[in-house]
């Protein structure tokens, strides 16, 4: 299976520092969606539009079926196979392995 393409737009939850860490670690991390208690990596399907800042990434981990929208993908820890638990500063995150290209230098 070839990797699928996804992207995240630069935002208060996808900062320049986050992009650097993701490119260096080869992982994309996420927390709970608003109003949820489930750890989740969220992204848009496809490639980052050329005029926008953010990250492009490819992963072999398939997003959760039936989650998100036709434009959005979600990976939930621990239910989505291939997701991992990561902890930084006592905060838990869902994570997926990915080849990340930083487009928010």
N, C-alpha and C. Protein backbone atom coordinates (compact mmCIF):
# COMPACT_ATOMS: atom_id res chain seq x y z
N UNK A 1 0.84 -1.18 0.00
CA UNK A 1 0.00 0.00 0.00
C UNK A 1 0.89 1.25 0.00
N UNK A 2 0.61 2.16 -0.92
CA UNK A 2 1.39 3.39 -0.96
C UNK A 2 0.84 4.39 0.04
N UNK A 3 1.69 5.31 0.51
CA UNK A 3 1.23 6.29 1.50
C UNK A 3 0.18 7.22 0.90
N UNK A 4 -0.74 7.65 1.73
CA UNK A 4 -1.76 8.62 1.35
C UNK A 4 -1.29 10.01 1.75
N UNK A 5 -1.74 11.04 1.02
CA UNK A 5 -1.32 12.44 1.26
C UNK A 5 -2.38 13.17 2.09
N UNK A 6 -1.87 13.99 3.01
CA UNK A 6 -2.71 14.81 3.88
C UNK A 6 -2.00 16.13 4.14
N UNK A 7 -2.73 17.09 4.73
CA UNK A 7 -2.10 18.34 5.11
C UNK A 7 -2.79 18.95 6.32
N UNK A 8 -2.05 19.84 6.98
CA UNK A 8 -2.58 20.64 8.09
C UNK A 8 -2.21 22.09 7.83
N UNK A 9 -3.15 22.98 8.03
CA UNK A 9 -2.92 24.41 7.83
C UNK A 9 -2.28 25.02 9.09
N UNK A 10 -1.42 26.01 8.88
CA UNK A 10 -0.85 26.75 10.00
C UNK A 10 -2.00 27.39 10.79
N UNK A 11 -1.94 27.28 12.12
CA UNK A 11 -3.00 27.79 12.99
C UNK A 11 -2.45 27.87 14.41
N UNK A 12 -3.26 28.34 15.36
CA UNK A 12 -2.80 28.34 16.76
C UNK A 12 -2.49 26.93 17.27
N UNK A 13 -3.10 25.89 16.68
CA UNK A 13 -2.80 24.51 17.10
C UNK A 13 -1.86 23.80 16.13
N UNK A 14 -1.42 24.47 15.07
CA UNK A 14 -0.43 23.95 14.12
C UNK A 14 0.57 25.08 13.89
N UNK A 15 1.43 25.28 14.90
CA UNK A 15 2.36 26.41 14.89
C UNK A 15 3.62 26.10 14.09
N UNK A 16 4.41 27.14 13.89
CA UNK A 16 5.69 26.99 13.21
C UNK A 16 6.56 25.98 13.98
N UNK A 17 6.56 26.07 15.31
CA UNK A 17 7.35 25.14 16.13
C UNK A 17 6.82 23.71 16.00
N UNK A 18 5.49 23.54 15.95
CA UNK A 18 4.91 22.20 15.75
C UNK A 18 5.39 21.60 14.43
N UNK A 19 5.41 22.42 13.38
CA UNK A 19 5.84 21.94 12.05
C UNK A 19 7.28 21.46 12.09
N UNK A 20 8.13 22.20 12.77
CA UNK A 20 9.55 21.81 12.90
C UNK A 20 9.65 20.47 13.63
N UNK A 21 8.96 20.34 14.75
CA UNK A 21 9.01 19.09 15.53
C UNK A 21 8.49 17.90 14.73
N UNK A 22 7.42 18.10 13.97
CA UNK A 22 6.84 17.02 13.19
C UNK A 22 7.79 16.58 12.07
N UNK A 23 8.42 17.53 11.41
CA UNK A 23 9.37 17.19 10.35
C UNK A 23 10.57 16.44 10.93
N UNK A 24 11.06 16.88 12.09
CA UNK A 24 12.22 16.23 12.71
C UNK A 24 11.90 14.84 13.25
N UNK A 25 10.72 14.67 13.85
CA UNK A 25 10.37 13.40 14.50
C UNK A 25 9.80 12.37 13.53
N UNK A 26 9.24 12.84 12.40
CA UNK A 26 8.55 11.91 11.50
C UNK A 26 7.23 11.44 12.06
N UNK A 27 6.60 12.27 12.91
CA UNK A 27 5.31 11.95 13.49
C UNK A 27 4.42 13.20 13.47
N UNK A 28 3.11 12.98 13.30
CA UNK A 28 2.12 14.04 13.42
C UNK A 28 1.30 13.73 14.67
N UNK A 29 1.17 14.72 15.56
CA UNK A 29 0.49 14.54 16.83
C UNK A 29 -0.83 15.28 16.86
N UNK A 30 -1.73 14.87 17.76
CA UNK A 30 -2.99 15.57 17.95
C UNK A 30 -3.56 15.32 19.33
N UNK A 31 -4.44 16.21 19.75
CA UNK A 31 -5.12 16.10 21.05
C UNK A 31 -6.59 15.83 20.82
N UNK A 32 -7.38 16.06 21.83
CA UNK A 32 -8.82 15.85 21.72
C UNK A 32 -9.44 16.90 20.81
N UNK A 33 -10.42 16.49 20.01
CA UNK A 33 -11.19 17.46 19.24
C UNK A 33 -12.06 18.26 20.21
N UNK A 34 -12.43 19.44 19.81
CA UNK A 34 -13.27 20.28 20.67
C UNK A 34 -14.53 19.51 21.05
N UNK A 35 -14.82 19.45 22.36
CA UNK A 35 -16.01 18.77 22.85
C UNK A 35 -15.86 17.26 22.97
N UNK A 36 -14.65 16.74 22.78
CA UNK A 36 -14.42 15.29 22.83
C UNK A 36 -13.38 14.96 23.90
N UNK A 37 -13.35 13.72 24.30
CA UNK A 37 -12.32 13.25 25.23
C UNK A 37 -11.39 12.23 24.54
N UNK A 38 -11.56 12.03 23.22
CA UNK A 38 -10.76 11.05 22.48
C UNK A 38 -9.54 11.71 21.85
N UNK A 39 -8.36 11.14 22.10
CA UNK A 39 -7.14 11.65 21.47
C UNK A 39 -7.21 11.42 19.98
N UNK A 40 -6.88 12.43 19.19
CA UNK A 40 -7.12 12.35 17.75
C UNK A 40 -6.13 13.20 16.97
N UNK A 41 -5.57 12.63 15.90
CA UNK A 41 -4.80 13.39 14.92
C UNK A 41 -5.80 13.78 13.83
N UNK A 42 -5.84 15.07 13.50
CA UNK A 42 -6.78 15.57 12.49
C UNK A 42 -6.00 16.20 11.34
N UNK A 43 -6.48 16.00 10.11
CA UNK A 43 -5.83 16.59 8.94
C UNK A 43 -6.83 16.64 7.79
N UNK A 44 -6.46 17.37 6.76
CA UNK A 44 -7.26 17.42 5.54
C UNK A 44 -6.67 16.44 4.53
N UNK A 45 -7.51 15.91 3.67
CA UNK A 45 -7.08 14.97 2.64
C UNK A 45 -6.48 15.73 1.46
N UNK A 46 -5.44 15.15 0.84
CA UNK A 46 -4.81 15.76 -0.32
C UNK A 46 -3.55 16.53 0.06
N UNK A 47 -3.16 17.45 -0.81
CA UNK A 47 -1.94 18.24 -0.61
C UNK A 47 -2.28 19.67 -0.22
N UNK A 48 -1.39 20.29 0.50
CA UNK A 48 -1.55 21.68 0.93
C UNK A 48 -1.70 22.58 -0.28
N UNK A 49 -2.76 23.42 -0.32
CA UNK A 49 -2.88 24.36 -1.44
C UNK A 49 -1.64 25.24 -1.54
N UNK A 50 -1.19 25.54 -2.75
CA UNK A 50 0.06 26.24 -2.97
C UNK A 50 0.19 27.60 -2.33
N UNK A 51 -0.93 28.28 -2.05
CA UNK A 51 -0.86 29.61 -1.47
C UNK A 51 -1.03 29.61 0.04
N UNK A 52 -1.04 28.45 0.68
CA UNK A 52 -1.27 28.34 2.13
C UNK A 52 -0.03 27.84 2.84
N UNK A 53 0.06 28.16 4.13
CA UNK A 53 1.16 27.69 4.97
C UNK A 53 0.68 26.53 5.82
N UNK A 54 1.55 25.57 6.08
CA UNK A 54 1.22 24.41 6.89
C UNK A 54 2.21 23.30 6.63
N UNK A 55 1.75 22.06 6.81
CA UNK A 55 2.58 20.89 6.53
C UNK A 55 1.85 19.99 5.54
N UNK A 56 2.64 19.34 4.69
CA UNK A 56 2.18 18.24 3.85
C UNK A 56 2.75 16.99 4.48
N UNK A 57 1.98 15.90 4.49
CA UNK A 57 2.57 14.66 4.99
C UNK A 57 1.94 13.46 4.30
N UNK A 58 2.70 12.38 4.33
CA UNK A 58 2.24 11.10 3.79
C UNK A 58 2.38 10.07 4.91
N UNK A 59 1.38 9.20 5.00
CA UNK A 59 1.42 8.13 6.00
C UNK A 59 0.76 6.89 5.43
N UNK A 60 1.22 5.74 5.89
CA UNK A 60 0.61 4.47 5.51
C UNK A 60 -0.50 4.07 6.48
N UNK A 61 -0.63 4.82 7.58
CA UNK A 61 -1.68 4.53 8.56
C UNK A 61 -2.99 5.09 8.02
N UNK A 62 -3.95 4.22 7.83
CA UNK A 62 -5.25 4.63 7.30
C UNK A 62 -6.06 5.34 8.36
N UNK A 63 -6.75 6.43 8.01
CA UNK A 63 -7.60 7.12 8.99
C UNK A 63 -8.79 6.25 9.36
N UNK A 64 -9.43 6.61 10.45
CA UNK A 64 -10.60 5.88 10.94
C UNK A 64 -11.74 5.99 9.92
N UNK A 65 -12.27 4.86 9.52
CA UNK A 65 -13.40 4.87 8.57
C UNK A 65 -14.62 5.48 9.23
N UNK A 66 -15.32 6.33 8.48
CA UNK A 66 -16.53 6.94 8.99
C UNK A 66 -16.30 8.13 9.89
N UNK A 67 -15.05 8.51 10.12
CA UNK A 67 -14.74 9.66 10.97
C UNK A 67 -14.36 10.85 10.08
N UNK A 68 -14.63 12.03 10.54
CA UNK A 68 -14.30 13.22 9.76
C UNK A 68 -15.33 13.45 8.66
N UNK A 69 -14.87 13.98 7.53
CA UNK A 69 -15.72 14.29 6.38
C UNK A 69 -15.00 13.81 5.12
N UNK A 70 -15.60 13.99 3.93
CA UNK A 70 -14.86 13.64 2.72
C UNK A 70 -13.56 14.44 2.56
N UNK A 71 -13.46 15.58 3.25
CA UNK A 71 -12.27 16.44 3.14
C UNK A 71 -11.33 16.31 4.33
N UNK A 72 -11.80 15.68 5.39
CA UNK A 72 -11.05 15.62 6.63
C UNK A 72 -10.80 14.17 7.02
N UNK A 73 -9.62 13.91 7.58
CA UNK A 73 -9.27 12.57 8.06
C UNK A 73 -8.97 12.64 9.55
N UNK A 74 -9.28 11.57 10.26
CA UNK A 74 -9.01 11.50 11.69
C UNK A 74 -8.47 10.13 12.06
N UNK A 75 -7.49 10.15 12.96
CA UNK A 75 -6.90 8.93 13.51
C UNK A 75 -7.05 9.01 15.03
N UNK A 76 -7.77 8.05 15.62
CA UNK A 76 -8.04 8.06 17.05
C UNK A 76 -7.15 7.07 17.78
N UNK A 77 -6.57 7.49 18.90
CA UNK A 77 -5.83 6.58 19.77
C UNK A 77 -6.78 6.14 20.88
N UNK A 78 -6.86 4.84 21.14
CA UNK A 78 -6.11 3.72 20.58
C UNK A 78 -6.87 2.95 19.50
N UNK A 79 -8.05 3.40 19.10
CA UNK A 79 -8.88 2.57 18.23
C UNK A 79 -8.40 2.46 16.80
N UNK A 80 -7.69 3.47 16.26
CA UNK A 80 -7.23 3.39 14.87
C UNK A 80 -5.91 2.62 14.84
N UNK A 81 -5.86 1.47 14.15
CA UNK A 81 -4.62 0.70 14.08
C UNK A 81 -3.47 1.56 13.54
N UNK A 82 -2.33 1.50 14.22
CA UNK A 82 -1.14 2.24 13.80
C UNK A 82 -0.94 3.54 14.55
N UNK A 83 -1.95 3.98 15.34
CA UNK A 83 -1.74 5.19 16.14
C UNK A 83 -0.92 4.86 17.37
N UNK A 84 -0.25 5.88 17.90
CA UNK A 84 0.62 5.70 19.05
C UNK A 84 0.26 6.75 20.10
N UNK A 85 0.60 6.47 21.35
CA UNK A 85 0.42 7.42 22.44
C UNK A 85 1.75 8.09 22.71
N UNK A 86 1.75 9.41 22.75
CA UNK A 86 2.93 10.19 23.09
C UNK A 86 2.56 11.13 24.23
N UNK A 87 3.52 11.43 25.11
CA UNK A 87 3.30 12.35 26.22
C UNK A 87 4.41 13.38 26.24
N UNK A 88 3.99 14.66 26.35
CA UNK A 88 4.96 15.75 26.47
C UNK A 88 4.43 16.71 27.54
N UNK A 89 5.27 17.02 28.52
CA UNK A 89 4.88 17.91 29.62
C UNK A 89 3.59 17.46 30.28
N UNK A 90 3.48 16.17 30.55
CA UNK A 90 2.33 15.50 31.20
C UNK A 90 1.04 15.57 30.39
N UNK A 91 1.08 15.96 29.11
CA UNK A 91 -0.09 16.01 28.25
C UNK A 91 0.01 14.87 27.25
N UNK A 92 -1.08 14.09 27.12
CA UNK A 92 -1.11 12.96 26.20
C UNK A 92 -1.55 13.41 24.80
N UNK A 93 -0.99 12.75 23.79
CA UNK A 93 -1.29 13.04 22.39
C UNK A 93 -1.44 11.72 21.63
N UNK A 94 -2.29 11.72 20.61
CA UNK A 94 -2.31 10.64 19.62
C UNK A 94 -1.23 11.00 18.60
N UNK A 95 -0.60 10.00 18.00
CA UNK A 95 0.44 10.26 17.00
C UNK A 95 0.39 9.20 15.92
N UNK A 96 0.80 9.61 14.72
CA UNK A 96 0.95 8.66 13.61
C UNK A 96 2.30 8.90 12.97
N UNK A 97 2.96 7.84 12.48
CA UNK A 97 4.21 8.03 11.76
C UNK A 97 3.91 8.66 10.40
N UNK A 98 4.79 9.57 9.95
CA UNK A 98 4.54 10.26 8.70
C UNK A 98 5.83 10.83 8.12
N UNK A 99 5.84 10.99 6.81
CA UNK A 99 6.90 11.73 6.13
C UNK A 99 6.36 13.16 5.99
N UNK A 100 6.95 14.08 6.74
CA UNK A 100 6.42 15.44 6.85
C UNK A 100 7.28 16.43 6.08
N UNK A 101 6.60 17.28 5.31
CA UNK A 101 7.27 18.40 4.62
C UNK A 101 6.75 19.69 5.24
N UNK A 102 7.66 20.46 5.82
CA UNK A 102 7.32 21.71 6.48
C UNK A 102 7.19 22.82 5.45
N UNK A 103 5.99 23.37 5.30
CA UNK A 103 5.75 24.48 4.38
C UNK A 103 5.28 25.72 5.15
N UNK A 104 5.79 25.84 6.38
CA UNK A 104 5.53 27.03 7.18
C UNK A 104 6.82 27.46 7.87
N UNK A 105 7.86 27.73 7.07
CA UNK A 105 9.17 28.07 7.66
C UNK A 105 9.14 29.39 8.42
